[in-house]
Amino acid sequence: MSAFNYILPRAGTGTPFSVSFDPCTRVPKSWKEELDNAALDIVREAKKPIWICSSGGIDSEVVCETFFKLGINFQVLSLRYERDTNVHDIWFAQKWCAEHGVAHDIVDVSVSSLFGPELDEYARNGYIGEQPFRYLQIRMLEIVEKRGGYAVLGGGEQLFSAQDDSGIFLKFTGGYTVPLEWMRRHDARHEPYFYFRTPELCASFQHISIVSYALTQPHLFKNESNKFVFKRFVLQSEFSQLAPRKKFNGLELLSKERIGAIKRVQEQYPEKIYSHRLTIADMRQQLGV
């Protein structure tokens, strides 16, 4: 399970939503070595067929590269949205799987249904995500669980933000807990946040030279879009074989469904929309580095 922990607010207690990380139990190695260690840790836990859920983006491709390099057997699952709006991303997953001889299963998903009546049902059951993507995470877990497998999602990337020169932080919303709460309620074991798998993996990312330097420059992250650009730059510098691609997941072309879903959740459950800013200084203290 992830090194990522959370506390949900409880009515009448005044307890705020918060997140924290487990401390490192050893000196972190390089980021790539810690990626390997995280993958091997999953193999020890899984005890069943591993499915890497890939959108075709670089986050999930790095996960695939890591498992493949280690000789770990796995299959890849991708979700295809109606009207083929994410065909651009899926193409990268198809290409990678074909080149590496890895089985690839593409499952069609009706986003209008998932972000409509199905989302409403999830929300009534307590799964409140401020972004519709959280419900796609649940869908992937449901599919793999029904197949008797262990799902690995490429979540948990460190997206740095800063509003002033007081410090850089990671912003966590209550939606981060949605797949974890689904797993808890269904007594299911999967890894929705691969990049948060171990505290050593989290710490080692910040030890990459360019990341270490950037974390001393808050002005780099005052523009929200920079965090995505910087993440892609780091991953592509560490994995030079990654083909450049736009940040495009197909939901941009389903704005009516996506925006409608966000609006309904915010209007119906405003008291359950919350967030927590974890400064890098506090995160490092928690990690013990």
Protein backbone atom coordinates (compact mmCIF):
# COMPACT_ATOMS: atom_id res chain seq x y z
CA MET A 1 0.00 0.00 0.00
CA SER A 2 1.03 3.60 -0.52
CA ALA A 3 3.12 5.57 1.95
CA PHE A 4 0.36 8.17 1.63
CA ASN A 5 -1.94 8.51 4.66
CA TYR A 6 -4.99 10.67 5.25
CA ILE A 7 -7.49 11.73 7.88
CA LEU A 8 -11.02 12.58 6.78
CA PRO A 9 -13.06 15.23 8.61
CA ARG A 10 -15.71 13.95 10.98
CA ALA A 11 -18.87 15.86 11.77
CA GLY A 12 -18.76 17.59 15.13
CA THR A 13 -15.10 16.85 15.83
CA GLY A 14 -13.49 19.83 14.16
CA THR A 15 -10.85 17.49 12.71
CA PRO A 16 -9.66 18.90 9.37
CA PHE A 17 -8.74 16.91 6.29
CA SER A 18 -5.02 16.19 6.33
CA VAL A 19 -2.42 14.03 4.63
CA SER A 20 0.93 12.70 5.71
CA PHE A 21 3.66 10.31 4.62
CA ASP A 22 5.33 7.41 6.37
CA PRO A 23 8.98 7.95 7.35
CA CYS A 24 11.76 6.33 5.36
CA THR A 25 13.16 3.17 6.91
CA ARG A 26 16.49 3.46 5.10
CA VAL A 27 18.52 5.91 3.06
CA PRO A 28 16.76 6.37 -0.30
CA LYS A 29 18.61 5.24 -3.41
CA SER A 30 18.29 6.87 -6.82
CA TRP A 31 14.78 7.50 -8.12
CA LYS A 32 15.06 4.80 -10.78
CA GLU A 33 16.27 2.28 -8.21
CA GLU A 34 13.37 3.19 -5.96
CA LEU A 35 10.95 2.74 -8.86
CA ASP A 36 12.32 -0.80 -9.17
CA ASN A 37 11.97 -1.38 -5.43
CA ALA A 38 8.37 -0.15 -5.51
CA ALA A 39 7.52 -2.51 -8.38
CA LEU A 40 9.10 -5.48 -6.59
CA ASP A 41 7.22 -4.54 -3.42
CA ILE A 42 3.97 -4.72 -5.37
CA VAL A 43 4.87 -8.17 -6.71
CA ARG A 44 5.41 -9.40 -3.16
CA GLU A 45 2.02 -8.06 -2.10
CA ALA A 46 -0.09 -8.85 -5.16
CA LYS A 47 -0.06 -12.65 -5.28
CA LYS A 48 -2.33 -12.39 -8.34
CA PRO A 49 -2.14 -11.18 -11.96
CA ILE A 50 -0.95 -7.59 -12.27
CA TRP A 51 -2.77 -5.13 -14.51
CA ILE A 52 -1.13 -1.77 -15.17
CA CYS A 53 -3.85 0.73 -15.99
CA SER A 54 -2.46 2.92 -18.74
CA SER A 55 -4.05 5.98 -20.28
CA GLY A 56 -1.17 6.22 -22.71
CA GLY A 57 0.35 9.14 -20.80
CA ILE A 58 3.96 9.27 -19.69
CA ASP A 59 3.19 8.52 -16.02
CA SER A 60 1.72 5.12 -16.80
CA GLU A 61 4.32 4.42 -19.49
CA VAL A 62 7.11 4.86 -16.93
CA VAL A 63 5.32 2.32 -14.73
CA CYS A 64 5.16 -0.09 -17.68
CA GLU A 65 8.84 0.47 -18.47
CA THR A 66 9.80 -0.23 -14.87
CA PHE A 67 7.87 -3.49 -14.58
CA PHE A 68 8.98 -4.67 -18.02
CA LYS A 69 12.66 -4.03 -17.33
CA LEU A 70 12.43 -6.17 -14.19
CA GLY A 71 10.86 -9.07 -16.10
CA ILE A 72 7.60 -8.84 -14.17
CA ASN A 73 4.62 -10.36 -15.93
CA PHE A 74 1.71 -7.95 -16.36
CA GLN A 75 -1.09 -6.96 -18.69
CA VAL A 76 -2.21 -3.46 -19.60
CA LEU A 77 -5.73 -2.08 -19.29
CA SER A 78 -6.92 1.10 -21.00
CA LEU A 79 -10.32 2.77 -21.00
CA ARG A 80 -11.67 4.10 -24.30
CA TYR A 81 -14.16 6.94 -24.03
CA GLU A 82 -17.18 7.38 -26.23
CA ARG A 83 -16.63 9.12 -29.56
CA ASP A 84 -12.95 8.03 -29.32
CA THR A 85 -12.06 11.29 -27.59
CA ASN A 86 -8.95 9.74 -26.01
CA VAL A 87 -7.77 7.84 -29.08
CA HIS A 88 -4.65 10.04 -29.11
CA ASP A 89 -3.51 8.81 -25.70
CA ILE A 90 -4.54 5.19 -26.24
CA TRP A 91 -2.39 5.11 -29.39
CA PHE A 92 0.72 5.50 -27.23
CA ALA A 93 -0.37 2.63 -24.97
CA GLN A 94 -1.15 0.43 -27.98
CA LYS A 95 2.21 1.22 -29.56
CA TRP A 96 4.14 0.50 -26.37
CA CYS A 97 2.38 -2.81 -25.78
CA ALA A 98 2.85 -3.94 -29.40
CA GLU A 99 6.56 -3.11 -29.33
CA HIS A 100 7.09 -4.94 -26.03
CA GLY A 101 4.81 -7.92 -26.62
CA VAL A 102 2.55 -7.09 -23.67
CA ALA A 103 -1.15 -8.02 -23.74
CA HIS A 104 -3.34 -4.93 -23.95
CA ASP A 105 -7.06 -4.87 -23.24
CA ILE A 106 -9.13 -1.81 -24.15
CA VAL A 107 -12.48 -1.45 -22.42
CA ASP A 108 -15.13 0.93 -23.73
CA VAL A 109 -16.57 3.31 -21.15
CA SER A 110 -19.60 5.57 -21.52
CA VAL A 111 -18.38 8.79 -19.94
CA SER A 112 -21.84 10.34 -20.19
CA SER A 113 -23.17 7.49 -18.04
CA LEU A 114 -20.17 7.33 -15.69
CA PHE A 115 -20.25 11.10 -15.13
CA GLY A 116 -24.06 11.06 -14.98
CA PRO A 117 -26.21 8.56 -13.08
CA GLU A 118 -23.27 6.35 -12.08
CA LEU A 119 -21.39 9.28 -10.56
CA ASP A 120 -24.52 10.29 -8.65
CA GLU A 121 -24.73 6.78 -7.21
CA TYR A 122 -21.04 6.81 -6.24
CA ALA A 123 -21.53 10.17 -4.54
CA ARG A 124 -24.58 8.95 -2.62
CA ASN A 125 -22.38 6.12 -1.36
CA GLY A 126 -19.86 8.62 -0.02
CA TYR A 127 -17.33 8.73 -2.84
CA ILE A 128 -16.93 12.47 -3.30
CA GLY A 129 -14.34 13.52 -5.86
CA GLU A 130 -13.84 17.13 -6.90
CA GLN A 131 -12.62 15.88 -10.28
CA PRO A 132 -14.44 13.30 -12.45
CA PHE A 133 -11.14 11.48 -13.00
CA ARG A 134 -11.53 10.00 -9.52
CA TYR A 135 -14.51 8.01 -10.76
CA LEU A 136 -12.47 6.68 -13.67
CA GLN A 137 -10.00 5.43 -11.06
CA ILE A 138 -12.81 3.55 -9.33
CA ARG A 139 -13.94 2.08 -12.64
CA MET A 140 -10.44 0.74 -13.36
CA LEU A 141 -10.23 -0.80 -9.89
CA GLU A 142 -13.66 -2.39 -10.33
CA ILE A 143 -12.71 -3.94 -13.65
CA VAL A 144 -9.45 -5.41 -12.40
CA GLU A 145 -10.99 -6.60 -9.13
CA LYS A 146 -13.69 -8.49 -11.05
CA ARG A 147 -10.95 -10.15 -13.10
CA GLY A 148 -9.20 -11.34 -9.98
CA GLY A 149 -6.21 -9.11 -10.61
CA TYR A 150 -4.15 -6.44 -8.90
CA ALA A 151 -4.42 -2.96 -10.42
CA VAL A 152 -1.50 -0.56 -10.60
CA LEU A 153 -2.32 3.04 -11.53
CA GLY A 154 0.31 5.65 -12.31
CA GLY A 155 -0.95 8.13 -9.76
CA GLY A 156 0.94 9.92 -7.03
CA GLU A 157 3.09 12.18 -9.15
CA GLN A 158 4.46 15.16 -7.26
CA LEU A 159 2.95 18.29 -8.81
CA PHE A 160 4.55 21.29 -7.16
CA SER A 161 2.76 24.60 -6.61
CA ALA A 162 3.64 27.95 -5.04
CA GLN A 163 1.64 31.12 -4.50
CA ASP A 164 4.36 33.27 -3.02
CA ASP A 165 7.96 32.99 -1.90
CA SER A 166 7.01 31.38 1.40
CA GLY A 167 7.42 27.87 0.08
CA ILE A 168 6.48 25.17 -2.39
CA PHE A 169 3.69 22.73 -1.59
CA LEU A 170 1.70 19.78 -2.86
CA LYS A 171 -2.05 20.27 -2.91
CA PHE A 172 -4.17 17.28 -1.90
CA THR A 173 -7.92 17.30 -2.29
CA GLY A 174 -10.44 14.99 -0.72
CA GLY A 175 -10.75 13.31 -4.10
CA TYR A 176 -7.39 11.64 -3.56
CA THR A 177 -9.07 9.41 -1.01
CA VAL A 178 -11.82 8.15 -3.34
CA PRO A 179 -9.99 5.08 -4.75
CA LEU A 180 -8.49 4.35 -1.34
CA GLU A 181 -11.89 4.47 0.34
CA TRP A 182 -13.29 2.18 -2.37
CA MET A 183 -10.52 -0.31 -1.63
CA ARG A 184 -11.09 -0.09 2.12
CA ARG A 185 -14.81 -0.73 1.81
CA HIS A 186 -14.34 -3.65 -0.57
CA ASP A 187 -11.39 -5.14 1.32
CA ALA A 188 -9.45 -4.98 -1.94
CA ARG A 189 -5.72 -4.54 -2.44
CA HIS A 190 -4.46 -2.52 -5.39
CA GLU A 191 -2.06 0.37 -5.90
CA PRO A 192 -3.77 3.49 -7.27
CA TYR A 193 -0.78 5.71 -6.39
CA PHE A 194 2.33 3.96 -7.65
CA TYR A 195 4.54 7.04 -7.25
CA PHE A 196 3.59 7.22 -3.56
CA ARG A 197 4.22 3.50 -3.06
CA THR A 198 7.11 3.88 -0.59
CA PRO A 199 8.48 6.83 1.38
CA GLU A 200 11.88 6.17 -0.19
CA LEU A 201 10.38 6.56 -3.67
CA CYS A 202 8.78 9.87 -2.68
CA ALA A 203 12.02 11.17 -1.18
CA SER A 204 14.22 10.02 -4.06
CA PHE A 205 12.18 12.00 -6.59
CA GLN A 206 13.02 15.19 -4.72
CA HIS A 207 16.68 14.17 -4.75
CA ILE A 208 16.88 14.21 -8.56
CA SER A 209 19.28 17.05 -9.34
CA ILE A 210 16.92 19.19 -11.40
CA VAL A 211 14.08 18.64 -8.91
CA SER A 212 16.30 19.45 -5.95
CA TYR A 213 17.28 22.73 -7.61
CA ALA A 214 13.73 23.61 -8.67
CA LEU A 215 12.51 23.18 -5.10
CA THR A 216 14.69 26.15 -4.13
CA GLN A 217 12.96 28.34 -6.73
CA PRO A 218 9.31 28.93 -5.73
CA HIS A 219 8.74 31.36 -8.61
CA LEU A 220 8.96 28.44 -11.04
CA PHE A 221 5.66 27.05 -9.77
CA LYS A 222 3.53 30.17 -9.36
CA ASN A 223 1.99 29.46 -12.77
CA GLU A 224 -0.23 26.40 -12.27
CA SER A 225 0.51 24.94 -15.69
CA ASN A 226 4.23 24.85 -14.94
CA LYS A 227 3.84 21.91 -12.60
CA PHE A 228 2.71 19.69 -15.46
CA VAL A 229 5.42 20.94 -17.80
CA PHE A 230 8.06 20.38 -15.14
CA LYS A 231 6.85 16.86 -14.37
CA ARG A 232 7.02 15.87 -18.04
CA PHE A 233 10.49 17.40 -18.32
CA VAL A 234 11.77 15.37 -15.36
CA LEU A 235 10.24 12.08 -16.53
CA GLN A 236 11.51 12.49 -20.07
CA SER A 237 14.98 13.40 -18.84
CA GLU A 238 15.07 10.25 -16.68
CA PHE A 239 13.47 8.05 -19.37
CA SER A 240 14.82 9.37 -22.66
CA GLN A 241 12.94 6.70 -24.64
CA LEU A 242 9.59 8.34 -23.84
CA ALA A 243 8.07 9.85 -26.94
CA PRO A 244 7.01 13.49 -26.45
CA ARG A 245 3.27 13.93 -26.25
CA LYS A 246 0.77 16.60 -25.34
CA LYS A 247 -1.01 16.64 -22.00
CA PHE A 248 -4.30 15.45 -23.40
CA ASN A 249 -6.52 12.78 -21.84
CA GLY A 250 -9.65 13.05 -23.98
CA LEU A 251 -11.86 14.53 -21.29
CA GLU A 252 -11.14 17.95 -22.73
CA LEU A 253 -13.47 17.01 -25.61
CA LEU A 254 -16.18 15.92 -23.19
CA SER A 255 -16.41 19.25 -21.42
CA LYS A 256 -20.21 19.19 -21.11
CA GLU A 257 -20.17 15.90 -19.22
CA ARG A 258 -17.05 16.77 -17.22
CA ILE A 259 -18.09 20.26 -16.16
CA GLY A 260 -21.62 19.10 -15.40
CA ALA A 261 -20.25 16.38 -13.12
CA ILE A 262 -18.01 18.81 -11.24
CA LYS A 263 -20.85 21.29 -10.79
CA ARG A 264 -23.27 18.67 -9.44
CA VAL A 265 -20.80 17.35 -6.89
CA GLN A 266 -19.86 20.85 -5.70
CA GLU A 267 -23.50 21.93 -5.39
CA GLN A 268 -24.78 18.78 -3.69
CA TYR A 269 -21.85 18.10 -1.35
CA PRO A 270 -20.12 21.44 -0.64
CA GLU A 271 -19.24 20.36 2.91
CA LYS A 272 -17.25 17.43 1.52
CA ILE A 273 -15.07 19.43 -0.85
CA TYR A 274 -11.86 20.06 1.02
CA SER A 275 -8.13 20.25 0.45
CA HIS A 276 -4.82 20.24 2.28
CA ARG A 277 -1.56 21.92 1.38
CA LEU A 278 1.49 19.97 2.41
CA THR A 279 4.62 22.08 2.21
CA ILE A 280 7.72 20.39 0.90
CA ALA A 281 9.44 21.26 4.17
CA ASP A 282 6.75 19.41 6.14
CA MET A 283 6.76 16.49 3.72
CA ARG A 284 10.52 16.11 4.08
CA GLN A 285 10.19 16.21 7.84
CA GLN A 286 7.59 13.45 7.69
CA LEU A 287 9.80 11.39 5.36
CA GLY A 288 12.75 11.96 7.66
CA VAL A 289 15.07 13.29 4.97
